[in-house]
PDB file of N, CA and C in Angstrom:
ATOM      1  N   MET A   1      29.135 -22.257  47.206  1.00  0.00           N
ATOM      2  CA  MET A   1      27.650 -22.080  47.726  1.00  0.00           C
ATOM      3  C   MET A   1      27.093 -22.763  46.777  1.00  0.00           C
ATOM      4  N   ALA A   2      26.011 -23.335  47.459  1.00  0.00           N
ATOM      5  CA  ALA A   2      25.133 -24.382  46.567  1.00  0.00           C
ATOM      6  C   ALA A   2      23.448 -23.295  45.942  1.00  0.00           C
ATOM      7  N   GLU A   3      23.224 -23.563  44.994  1.00  0.00           N
ATOM      8  CA  GLU A   3      22.020 -22.547  44.600  1.00  0.00           C
ATOM      9  C   GLU A   3      20.850 -23.194  45.296  1.00  0.00           C
ATOM     10  N   HIS A   4      20.356 -22.432  45.265  1.00  0.00           N
ATOM     11  CA  HIS A   4      19.017 -22.442  45.847  1.00  0.00           C
ATOM     12  C   HIS A   4      18.034 -22.690  44.789  1.00  0.00           C
ATOM     13  N   PRO A   5      17.034 -23.800  45.353  1.00  0.00           N
ATOM     14  CA  PRO A   5      16.004 -24.266  44.388  1.00  0.00           C
ATOM     15  C   PRO A   5      15.252 -23.084  44.314  1.00  0.00           C
ATOM     16  N   GLU A   6      15.075 -21.732  44.688  1.00  0.00           N
ATOM     17  CA  GLU A   6      14.229 -20.996  44.601  1.00  0.00           C
ATOM     18  C   GLU A   6      14.909 -20.161  42.945  1.00  0.00           C
ATOM     19  N   ASP A   7      16.031 -20.251  43.307  1.00  0.00           N
ATOM     20  CA  ASP A   7      17.088 -19.088  42.142  1.00  0.00           C
ATOM     21  C   ASP A   7      16.848 -20.081  40.766  1.00  0.00           C
ATOM     22  N   THR A   8      17.200 -21.382  40.838  1.00  0.00           N
ATOM     23  CA  THR A   8      16.596 -22.243  39.758  1.00  0.00           C
ATOM     24  C   THR A   8      15.446 -22.501  39.350  1.00  0.00           C
ATOM     25  N   PHE A   9      14.082 -22.067  39.930  1.00  0.00           N
ATOM     26  CA  PHE A   9      13.110 -21.836  39.438  1.00  0.00           C
ATOM     27  C   PHE A   9      13.387 -20.329  38.860  1.00  0.00           C
ATOM     28  N   LEU A  10      13.118 -19.345  39.489  1.00  0.00           N
ATOM     29  CA  LEU A  10      13.261 -17.761  38.783  1.00  0.00           C
ATOM     30  C   LEU A  10      14.020 -17.749  37.431  1.00  0.00           C
ATOM     31  N   GLU A  11      15.251 -18.567  37.544  1.00  0.00           N
ATOM     32  CA  GLU A  11      15.867 -18.496  36.710  1.00  0.00           C
ATOM     33  C   GLU A  11      15.106 -19.415  35.103  1.00  0.00           C
ATOM     34  N   ALA A  12      14.437 -20.661  35.536  1.00  0.00           N
ATOM     35  CA  ALA A  12      13.665 -21.182  34.424  1.00  0.00           C
ATOM     36  C   ALA A  12      12.673 -20.159  34.015  1.00  0.00           C
ATOM     37  N   VAL A  13      11.387 -19.554  35.738  1.00  0.00           N
ATOM     38  CA  VAL A  13      10.520 -18.754  34.662  1.00  0.00           C
ATOM     39  C   VAL A  13      11.013 -17.593  33.295  1.00  0.00           C
ATOM     40  N   HIS A  14      12.468 -17.415  33.431  1.00  0.00           N
ATOM     41  CA  HIS A  14      12.935 -16.199  33.187  1.00  0.00           C
ATOM     42  C   HIS A  14      13.132 -16.253  31.563  1.00  0.00           C
ATOM     43  N   VAL A  15      13.874 -17.526  31.974  1.00  0.00           N
ATOM     44  CA  VAL A  15      13.929 -18.614  30.492  1.00  0.00           C
ATOM     45  C   VAL A  15      12.852 -18.982  29.620  1.00  0.00           C
ATOM     46  N   GLU A  16      11.957 -19.226  29.987  1.00  0.00           N
ATOM     47  CA  GLU A  16      10.024 -19.554  29.733  1.00  0.00           C
ATOM     48  C   GLU A  16       9.815 -18.221  29.201  1.00  0.00           C
ATOM     49  N   LEU A  17      10.371 -16.959  29.860  1.00  0.00           N
ATOM     50  CA  LEU A  17       9.103 -15.661  29.655  1.00  0.00           C
ATOM     51  C   LEU A  17      10.289 -15.421  28.239  1.00  0.00           C
ATOM     52  N   GLY A  18      11.018 -15.116  28.454  1.00  0.00           N
ATOM     53  CA  GLY A  18      12.088 -14.711  26.831  1.00  0.00           C
ATOM     54  C   GLY A  18      11.849 -15.750  25.826  1.00  0.00           C
ATOM     55  N   THR A  19      11.677 -16.671  26.131  1.00  0.00           N
ATOM     56  CA  THR A  19      11.544 -17.661  24.984  1.00  0.00           C
ATOM     57  C   THR A  19       9.553 -17.177  24.361  1.00  0.00           C
ATOM     58  N   ALA A  20       8.530 -17.047  25.360  1.00  0.00           N
ATOM     59  CA  ALA A  20       7.661 -16.596  24.669  1.00  0.00           C
ATOM     60  C   ALA A  20       7.394 -15.458  24.591  1.00  0.00           C
ATOM     61  N   LEU A  21       8.515 -14.520  24.947  1.00  0.00           N
ATOM     62  CA  LEU A  21       8.400 -13.025  24.603  1.00  0.00           C
ATOM     63  C   LEU A  21       8.889 -13.127  22.562  1.00  0.00           C
ATOM     64  N   ALA A  22      10.110 -13.616  22.696  1.00  0.00           N
ATOM     65  CA  ALA A  22      10.458 -14.139  21.352  1.00  0.00           C
ATOM     66  C   ALA A  22       9.340 -14.337  20.318  1.00  0.00           C
ATOM     67  N   ASP A  23       8.555 -15.322  20.723  1.00  0.00           N
ATOM     68  CA  ASP A  23       7.978 -15.949  19.379  1.00  0.00           C
ATOM     69  C   ASP A  23       7.208 -14.649  19.863  1.00  0.00           C
ATOM     70  N   LEU A  24       6.317 -14.797  20.713  1.00  0.00           N
ATOM     71  CA  LEU A  24       4.928 -12.954  20.203  1.00  0.00           C
ATOM     72  C   LEU A  24       5.875 -11.901  19.737  1.00  0.00           C
ATOM     73  N   ALA A  25       7.237 -11.202  19.941  1.00  0.00           N
ATOM     74  CA  ALA A  25       7.429 -10.409  18.348  1.00  0.00           C
ATOM     75  C   ALA A  25       7.525 -11.253  16.835  1.00  0.00           C
ATOM     76  N   LYS A  26       7.954 -12.526  16.909  1.00  0.00           N
ATOM     77  CA  LYS A  26       7.956 -13.372  15.534  1.00  0.00           C
ATOM     78  C   LYS A  26       6.519 -13.240  14.880  1.00  0.00           C
ATOM     79  N   SER A  27       5.574 -13.417  15.869  1.00  0.00           N
ATOM     80  CA  SER A  27       4.030 -13.306  15.340  1.00  0.00           C
ATOM     81  C   SER A  27       4.069 -12.324  14.911  1.00  0.00           C
ATOM     82  N   VAL A  28       4.216 -11.168  15.599  1.00  0.00           N
ATOM     83  CA  VAL A  28       3.974  -9.979  15.218  1.00  0.00           C
ATOM     84  C   VAL A  28       4.524  -9.533  14.147  1.00  0.00           C
ATOM     85  N   HIS A  29       5.625 -10.027  14.026  1.00  0.00           N
ATOM     86  CA  HIS A  29       6.254  -9.335  12.702  1.00  0.00           C
ATOM     87  C   HIS A  29       5.881 -10.189  11.167  1.00  0.00           C
ATOM     88  N   LEU A  30       5.154 -11.521  11.440  1.00  0.00           N
ATOM     89  CA  LEU A  30       4.515 -11.943  11.165  1.00  0.00           C
ATOM     90  C   LEU A  30       3.640 -11.212  10.495  1.00  0.00           C
ATOM     91  N   ALA A  31       2.710 -11.192  10.796  1.00  0.00           N
ATOM     92  CA  ALA A  31       1.375 -10.553  10.905  1.00  0.00           C
ATOM     93  C   ALA A  31       1.599  -9.142  10.383  1.00  0.00           C
ATOM     94  N   THR A  32       2.293  -8.134  10.716  1.00  0.00           N
ATOM     95  CA  THR A  32       2.091  -7.532  10.506  1.00  0.00           C
ATOM     96  C   THR A  32       2.946  -7.355   8.326  1.00  0.00           C
ATOM     97  N   LYS A  33       3.534  -8.406   8.708  1.00  0.00           N
ATOM     98  CA  LYS A  33       3.990  -8.602   6.866  1.00  0.00           C
ATOM     99  C   LYS A  33       2.984  -9.540   6.251  1.00  0.00           C
ATOM    100  N   ARG A  34       2.122  -9.812   6.688  1.00  0.00           N
ATOM    101  CA  ARG A  34       0.878 -10.528   6.302  1.00  0.00           C
ATOM    102  C   ARG A  34      -0.589  -9.251   5.839  1.00  0.00           C
ATOM    103  N   ILE A  35      -0.031  -8.033   6.960  1.00  0.00           N
ATOM    104  CA  ILE A  35      -0.730  -7.153   6.692  1.00  0.00           C
ATOM    105  C   ILE A  35      -0.404  -6.431   5.390  1.00  0.00           C
ATOM    106  N   ALA A  36       0.809  -5.817   5.311  1.00  0.00           N
ATOM    107  CA  ALA A  36       1.298  -4.927   4.017  1.00  0.00           C
ATOM    108  C   ALA A  36       1.072  -6.164   2.638  1.00  0.00           C
ATOM    109  N   PHE A  37       1.579  -7.087   3.404  1.00  0.00           N
ATOM    110  CA  PHE A  37       0.934  -8.016   1.697  1.00  0.00           C
ATOM    111  C   PHE A  37      -0.371  -7.789   1.364  1.00  0.00           C
ATOM    112  N   ARG A  38      -1.367  -7.947   1.744  1.00  0.00           N
ATOM    113  CA  ARG A  38      -2.401  -7.393   1.658  1.00  0.00           C
ATOM    114  C   ARG A  38      -2.905  -7.058   1.214  1.00  0.00           C
ATOM    115  N   ALA A  39      -2.611  -5.424   1.456  1.00  0.00           N
ATOM    116  CA  ALA A  39      -2.870  -4.071   1.259  1.00  0.00           C
ATOM    117  C   ALA A  39      -2.136  -4.465  -0.378  1.00  0.00           C
ATOM    118  N   GLU A  40      -0.793  -4.495  -0.768  1.00  0.00           N
ATOM    119  CA  GLU A  40       0.137  -4.379  -1.781  1.00  0.00           C
ATOM    120  C   GLU A  40      -0.992  -6.157  -2.981  1.00  0.00           C
ATOM    121  N   LEU A  41      -1.745  -6.061  -2.417  1.00  0.00           N
ATOM    122  CA  LEU A  41      -2.131  -7.567  -3.348  1.00  0.00           C
ATOM    123  C   LEU A  41      -3.743  -6.717  -3.813  1.00  0.00           C
ATOM    124  N   SER A  42      -4.340  -5.845  -3.006  1.00  0.00           N
ATOM    125  CA  SER A  42      -5.501  -5.115  -3.031  1.00  0.00           C
ATOM    126  C   SER A  42      -5.565  -4.316  -4.393  1.00  0.00           C
ATOM    127  N   ALA A  43      -3.762  -3.507  -3.935  1.00  0.00           N
ATOM    128  CA  ALA A  43      -4.359  -1.983  -4.405  1.00  0.00           C
ATOM    129  C   ALA A  43      -3.490  -2.445  -6.221  1.00  0.00           C
ATOM    130  N   THR A  44      -2.799  -4.318  -6.430  1.00  0.00           N
ATOM    131  CA  THR A  44      -2.850  -4.661  -7.504  1.00  0.00           C
ATOM    132  C   THR A  44      -3.881  -5.464  -7.991  1.00  0.00           C
ATOM    133  N   ILE A  45      -5.053  -5.781  -7.432  1.00  0.00           N
ATOM    134  CA  ILE A  45      -6.228  -6.009  -7.637  1.00  0.00           C
ATOM    135  C   ILE A  45      -6.781  -4.936  -8.808  1.00  0.00           C
ATOM    136  N   VAL A  46      -6.606  -4.120  -7.696  1.00  0.00           N
ATOM    137  CA  VAL A  46      -7.363  -2.366  -8.167  1.00  0.00           C
ATOM    138  C   VAL A  46      -6.713  -2.069  -9.566  1.00  0.00           C
ATOM    139  N   ASP A  47      -5.577  -2.621  -9.877  1.00  0.00           N
ATOM    140  CA  ASP A  47      -4.967  -2.085 -10.993  1.00  0.00           C
ATOM    141  C   ASP A  47      -5.574  -2.945 -12.013  1.00  0.00           C
ATOM    142  N   ALA A  48      -5.161  -3.995 -11.536  1.00  0.00           N
ATOM    143  CA  ALA A  48      -5.866  -5.172 -12.873  1.00  0.00           C
ATOM    144  C   ALA A  48      -7.466  -4.733 -12.878  1.00  0.00           C
ATOM    145  N   GLU A  49      -8.064  -4.097 -12.541  1.00  0.00           N
ATOM    146  CA  GLU A  49      -9.701  -3.754 -12.893  1.00  0.00           C
ATOM    147  C   GLU A  49      -9.368  -2.587 -13.946  1.00  0.00           C
ATOM    148  N   LYS A  50      -8.375  -1.529 -13.214  1.00  0.00           N
ATOM    149  CA  LYS A  50      -8.209  -0.803 -14.525  1.00  0.00           C
ATOM    150  C   LYS A  50      -7.632  -1.308 -16.044  1.00  0.00           C
ATOM    151  N   VAL A  51      -6.943  -2.096 -15.682  1.00  0.00           N
ATOM    152  CA  VAL A  51      -6.912  -2.668 -17.179  1.00  0.00           C
ATOM    153  C   VAL A  51      -7.883  -3.426 -17.488  1.00  0.00           C
ATOM    154  N   VAL A  52      -8.323  -4.253 -17.392  1.00  0.00           N
ATOM    155  CA  VAL A  52      -9.734  -4.618 -17.847  1.00  0.00           C
ATOM    156  C   VAL A  52     -10.669  -3.851 -18.149  1.00  0.00           C
ATOM    157  N   ASP A  53     -10.754  -2.474 -17.590  1.00  0.00           N
ATOM    158  CA  ASP A  53     -11.248  -1.580 -17.919  1.00  0.00           C
ATOM    159  C   ASP A  53     -11.275  -0.905 -19.830  1.00  0.00           C
ATOM    160  N   ALA A  54      -9.572  -0.950 -19.439  1.00  0.00           N
ATOM    161  CA  ALA A  54      -8.674  -0.055 -20.006  1.00  0.00           C
ATOM    162  C   ALA A  54      -9.179  -1.001 -21.788  1.00  0.00           C
ATOM    163  N   ALA A  55      -8.746  -2.442 -21.586  1.00  0.00           N
ATOM    164  CA  ALA A  55      -9.397  -3.363 -22.569  1.00  0.00           C
ATOM    165  C   ALA A  55     -10.394  -3.160 -23.122  1.00  0.00           C
ATOM    166  N   SER A  56     -11.115  -3.363 -22.206  1.00  0.00           N
ATOM    167  CA  SER A  56     -12.430  -3.214 -22.545  1.00  0.00           C
ATOM    168  C   SER A  56     -12.986  -1.788 -23.459  1.00  0.00           C
ATOM    169  N   ALA A  57     -12.606  -0.925 -23.012  1.00  0.00           N
ATOM    170  CA  ALA A  57     -12.453   0.151 -23.907  1.00  0.00           C
ATOM    171  C   ALA A  57     -11.868   0.135 -25.489  1.00  0.00           C
ATOM    172  N   LEU A  58     -10.290  -0.193 -25.172  1.00  0.00           N
ATOM    173  CA  LEU A  58     -10.100  -0.228 -26.446  1.00  0.00           C
ATOM    174  C   LEU A  58     -11.006  -1.457 -27.234  1.00  0.00           C
ATOM    175  N   ARG A  59     -11.340  -2.378 -26.987  1.00  0.00           N
ATOM    176  CA  ARG A  59     -11.530  -3.697 -27.265  1.00  0.00           C
ATOM    177  C   ARG A  59     -13.036  -2.757 -28.325  1.00  0.00           C
ATOM    178  N   HIS A  60     -13.517  -2.056 -27.534  1.00  0.00           N
ATOM    179  CA  HIS A  60     -15.430  -1.881 -27.923  1.00  0.00           C
ATOM    180  C   HIS A  60     -14.804  -0.453 -29.944  1.00  0.00           C
ATOM    181  N   ALA A  61     -13.680   0.305 -29.349  1.00  0.00           N
ATOM    182  CA  ALA A  61     -13.636   1.330 -29.870  1.00  0.00           C
ATOM    183  C   ALA A  61     -12.886   0.380 -31.272  1.00  0.00           C
ATOM    184  N   ALA A  62     -12.262  -0.676 -31.068  1.00  0.00           N
ATOM    185  CA  ALA A  62     -11.862  -1.432 -32.595  1.00  0.00           C
ATOM    186  C   ALA A  62     -13.019  -2.033 -33.280  1.00  0.00           C
ATOM    187  N   MET A  63     -14.064  -2.496 -32.261  1.00  0.00           N
ATOM    188  CA  MET A  63     -15.191  -2.923 -33.211  1.00  0.00           C
ATOM    189  C   MET A  63     -15.812  -2.015 -33.164  1.00  0.00           C
ATOM    190  N   GLU A  64     -16.294  -0.599 -32.784  1.00  0.00           N
ATOM    191  CA  GLU A  64     -16.957   0.331 -33.287  1.00  0.00           C
ATOM    192  C   GLU A  64     -15.923   0.812 -34.636  1.00  0.00           C
ATOM    193  N   MET A  65     -14.853   0.210 -34.572  1.00  0.00           N
ATOM    194  CA  MET A  65     -13.740   1.104 -35.726  1.00  0.00           C
ATOM    195  C   MET A  65     -13.575   2.811 -35.475  1.00  0.00           C
ATOM    196  N   GLN A  66     -13.768   3.672 -34.117  1.00  0.00           N
ATOM    197  CA  GLN A  66     -13.213   4.965 -34.163  1.00  0.00           C
ATOM    198  C   GLN A  66     -12.579   5.424 -34.235  1.00  0.00           C
ATOM    199  N   ASP A  67     -12.587   6.437 -34.803  1.00  0.00           N
ATOM    200  CA  ASP A  67     -11.111   7.355 -35.024  1.00  0.00           C
ATOM    201  C   ASP A  67     -10.298   8.224 -34.041  1.00  0.00           C
ATOM    202  N   ASN A  68     -11.570   8.523 -32.893  1.00  0.00           N
ATOM    203  CA  ASN A  68     -10.679   9.496 -31.913  1.00  0.00           C
ATOM    204  C   ASN A  68     -10.963   8.510 -30.352  1.00  0.00           C
ATOM    205  N   VAL A  69     -10.043   7.834 -30.042  1.00  0.00           N
ATOM    206  CA  VAL A  69      -9.793   6.735 -28.861  1.00  0.00           C
ATOM    207  C   VAL A  69      -8.880   7.183 -27.618  1.00  0.00           C
ATOM    208  N   THR A  70      -9.484   7.805 -27.099  1.00  0.00           N
ATOM    209  CA  THR A  70      -8.777   7.611 -25.674  1.00  0.00           C
ATOM    210  C   THR A  70      -9.202   7.191 -24.538  1.00  0.00           C
ATOM    211  N   LEU A  71      -7.960   6.819 -23.472  1.00  0.00           N
ATOM    212  CA  LEU A  71      -8.092   6.221 -22.523  1.00  0.00           C
ATOM    213  C   LEU A  71      -7.741   7.252 -21.296  1.00  0.00           C
ATOM    214  N   ALA A  72      -7.566   8.549 -21.699  1.00  0.00           N
ATOM    215  CA  ALA A  72      -7.644   9.844 -20.566  1.00  0.00           C
ATOM    216  C   ALA A  72      -8.794   9.961 -20.448  1.00  0.00           C
ATOM    217  N   PRO A  73      -9.507  10.063 -18.594  1.00  0.00           N
ATOM    218  CA  PRO A  73     -10.612  10.683 -18.940  1.00  0.00           C
ATOM    219  C   PRO A  73     -10.958  12.320 -19.221  1.00  0.00           C
ATOM    220  N   LYS A  74     -12.163  12.559 -19.854  1.00  0.00           N
ATOM    221  CA  LYS A  74     -12.261  14.113 -20.630  1.00  0.00           C
ATOM    222  C   LYS A  74     -12.853  15.054 -19.703  1.00  0.00           C
ATOM    223  N   ALA A  75     -11.931  15.829 -20.398  1.00  0.00           N
ATOM    224  CA  ALA A  75     -11.498  17.057 -19.516  1.00  0.00           C
ATOM    225  C   ALA A  75     -12.051  18.171 -19.543  1.00  0.00           C
ATOM    226  N   ASP A  76     -12.530  19.207 -18.377  1.00  0.00           N
ATOM    227  CA  ASP A  76     -13.217  20.212 -18.655  1.00  0.00           C
ATOM    228  C   ASP A  76     -13.098  20.913 -20.105  1.00  0.00           C
ATOM    229  N   GLU A  77     -14.171  20.996 -20.425  1.00  0.00           N
ATOM    230  CA  GLU A  77     -14.051  22.642 -21.446  1.00  0.00           C
ATOM    231  C   GLU A  77     -14.128  23.446 -21.194  1.00  0.00           C
ATOM    232  N   ASN A  78     -14.574  24.029 -19.686  1.00  0.00           N
ATOM    233  CA  ASN A  78     -14.409  25.362 -19.049  1.00  0.00           C
ATOM    234  C   ASN A  78     -13.026  25.324 -18.613  1.00  0.00           C
ATOM    235  N   VAL A  79     -11.546  24.861 -18.168  1.00  0.00           N
ATOM    236  CA  VAL A  79     -10.781  25.036 -17.717  1.00  0.00           C
ATOM    237  C   VAL A  79      -9.893  25.442 -18.348  1.00  0.00           C
ATOM    238  N   THR A  80      -9.134  26.073 -17.990  1.00  0.00           N
ATOM    239  CA  THR A  80      -8.230  27.470 -18.712  1.00  0.00           C
ATOM    240  C   THR A  80      -6.727  26.750 -18.215  1.00  0.00           C
ATOM    241  N   ASN A  81      -5.820  27.243 -19.054  1.00  0.00           N
ATOM    242  CA  ASN A  81      -4.910  27.230 -18.986  1.00  0.00           C
ATOM    243  C   ASN A  81      -3.984  27.122 -17.608  1.00  0.00           C
ATOM    244  N   THR A  82      -4.666  28.797 -17.360  1.00  0.00           N
ATOM    245  CA  THR A  82      -4.827  29.315 -15.992  1.00  0.00           C
ATOM    246  C   THR A  82      -4.783  28.208 -15.051  1.00  0.00           C
ATOM    247  N   ASP A  83      -6.032  27.813 -14.666  1.00  0.00           N
ATOM    248  CA  ASP A  83      -6.717  26.474 -14.162  1.00  0.00           C
ATOM    249  C   ASP A  83      -5.823  25.271 -13.674  1.00  0.00           C
ATOM    250  N   ALA A  84      -5.091  24.827 -15.216  1.00  0.00           N
ATOM    251  CA  ALA A  84      -5.145  23.687 -15.593  1.00  0.00           C
ATOM    252  C   ALA A  84      -3.261  23.920 -14.877  1.00  0.00           C
ATOM    253  N   ALA A  85      -2.932  25.281 -14.992  1.00  0.00           N
ATOM    254  CA  ALA A  85      -1.239  25.094 -14.276  1.00  0.00           C
ATOM    255  C   ALA A  85      -1.600  25.102 -12.458  1.00  0.00           C
ATOM    256  N   GLU A  86      -2.801  25.818 -12.370  1.00  0.00           N
ATOM    257  CA  GLU A  86      -3.136  26.239 -10.781  1.00  0.00           C
ATOM    258  C   GLU A  86      -3.242  24.306  -9.824  1.00  0.00           C
ATOM    259  N   MET A  87      -4.097  23.938 -11.049  1.00  0.00           N
ATOM    260  CA  MET A  87      -4.215  22.536 -10.452  1.00  0.00           C
ATOM    261  C   MET A  87      -2.934  21.893 -10.426  1.00  0.00           C
ATOM    262  N   MET A  88      -2.082  21.847 -11.599  1.00  0.00           N
ATOM    263  CA  MET A  88      -0.877  21.069 -11.509  1.00  0.00           C
ATOM    264  C   MET A  88       0.229  21.393 -10.301  1.00  0.00           C
ATOM    265  N   SER A  89      -0.023  22.563  -9.935  1.00  0.00           N
ATOM    266  CA  SER A  89       0.678  22.958  -8.719  1.00  0.00           C
ATOM    267  C   SER A  89       0.313  22.664  -7.617  1.00  0.00           C
ATOM    268  N   LYS A  90      -0.778  22.763  -7.708  1.00  0.00           N
ATOM    269  CA  LYS A  90      -1.257  21.732  -6.269  1.00  0.00           C
ATOM    270  C   LYS A  90      -1.215  20.193  -6.143  1.00  0.00           C
ATOM    271  N   VAL A  91      -1.587  19.718  -7.295  1.00  0.00           N
ATOM    272  CA  VAL A  91      -0.548  18.232  -7.195  1.00  0.00           C
ATOM    273  C   VAL A  91       0.693  17.746  -7.214  1.00  0.00           C
ATOM    274  N   GLU A  92       1.486  18.833  -7.689  1.00  0.00           N
ATOM    275  CA  GLU A  92       3.159  19.034  -6.977  1.00  0.00           C
ATOM    276  C   GLU A  92       3.255  19.636  -5.842  1.00  0.00           C
ATOM    277  N   ALA A  93       2.249  19.981  -5.030  1.00  0.00           N
ATOM    278  CA  ALA A  93       2.624  20.353  -3.985  1.00  0.00           C
ATOM    279  C   ALA A  93       2.305  18.998  -2.319  1.00  0.00           C
ATOM    280  N   ALA A  94       0.976  18.466  -3.413  1.00  0.00           N
ATOM    281  CA  ALA A  94       0.656  16.810  -2.897  1.00  0.00           C
ATOM    282  C   ALA A  94       1.357  16.174  -2.896  1.00  0.00           C
ATOM    283  N   CYS A  95       2.582  16.128  -4.270  1.00  0.00           N
ATOM    284  CA  CYS A  95       2.963  14.581  -3.627  1.00  0.00           C
ATOM    285  C   CYS A  95       4.449  15.194  -2.739  1.00  0.00           C
ATOM    286  N   VAL A  96       4.738  16.362  -2.996  1.00  0.00           N
ATOM    287  CA  VAL A  96       5.856  16.719  -2.336  1.00  0.00           C
ATOM    288  C   VAL A  96       5.822  16.428  -0.572  1.00  0.00           C
ATOM    289  N   THR A  97       4.165  17.298  -0.698  1.00  0.00           N
ATOM    290  CA  THR A  97       3.960  16.609   1.002  1.00  0.00           C
ATOM    291  C   THR A  97       3.579  15.864   1.707  1.00  0.00           C
ATOM    292  N   LEU A  98       3.421  14.349   0.237  1.00  0.00           N
ATOM    293  CA  LEU A  98       3.749  13.150   0.683  1.00  0.00           C
ATOM    294  C   LEU A  98       4.525  12.654   0.624  1.00  0.00           C
ATOM    295  N   THR A  99       5.615  12.985   0.515  1.00  0.00           N
ATOM    296  CA  THR A  99       7.078  12.172   0.189  1.00  0.00           C
ATOM    297  C   THR A  99       7.553  12.783   1.010  1.00  0.00           C
ATOM    298  N   ILE A 100       7.332  13.311   1.976  1.00  0.00           N
ATOM    299  CA  ILE A 100       7.889  14.286   3.187  1.00  0.00           C
ATOM    300  C   ILE A 100       7.734  13.581   3.974  1.00  0.00           C
ATOM    301  N   ALA A 101       6.241  13.236   4.486  1.00  0.00           N
ATOM    302  CA  ALA A 101       5.832  12.723   5.506  1.00  0.00           C
ATOM    303  C   ALA A 101       5.856  11.038   5.104  1.00  0.00           C
ATOM    304  N   ALA A 102       6.337  10.670   3.811  1.00  0.00           N
ATOM    305  CA  ALA A 102       6.941   9.057   3.809  1.00  0.00           C
ATOM    306  C   ALA A 102       7.989   8.905   4.203  1.00  0.00           C
ATOM    307  N   GLY A 103       8.849   9.926   4.365  1.00  0.00           N
ATOM    308  CA  GLY A 103      10.256  10.028   5.279  1.00  0.00           C
ATOM    309  C   GLY A 103      11.382   9.520   4.061  1.00  0.00           C
TER     310      GLY A 103
END
């Protein structure tokens, strides 16, 4: 039984659509990889800025020959041990929640 020209046309359209969908899927995959890479790059730039700020603080301290140099933010003097423990508990709970959410 000979194939009808209509069947050949439909098969060709099916193949073309499959190829187009495969190309689209590949493009979407590459785009999502680029977006993820940009996010990582942005985070790295922010971290680099923090390093530059820390280096500047250390250089300034060295030039001034200050004895009490720290890169840690100044703590609130009104914070008690109980407050600090409560804050750490909240931070830990937030970390657990984020870990669970990340799967």
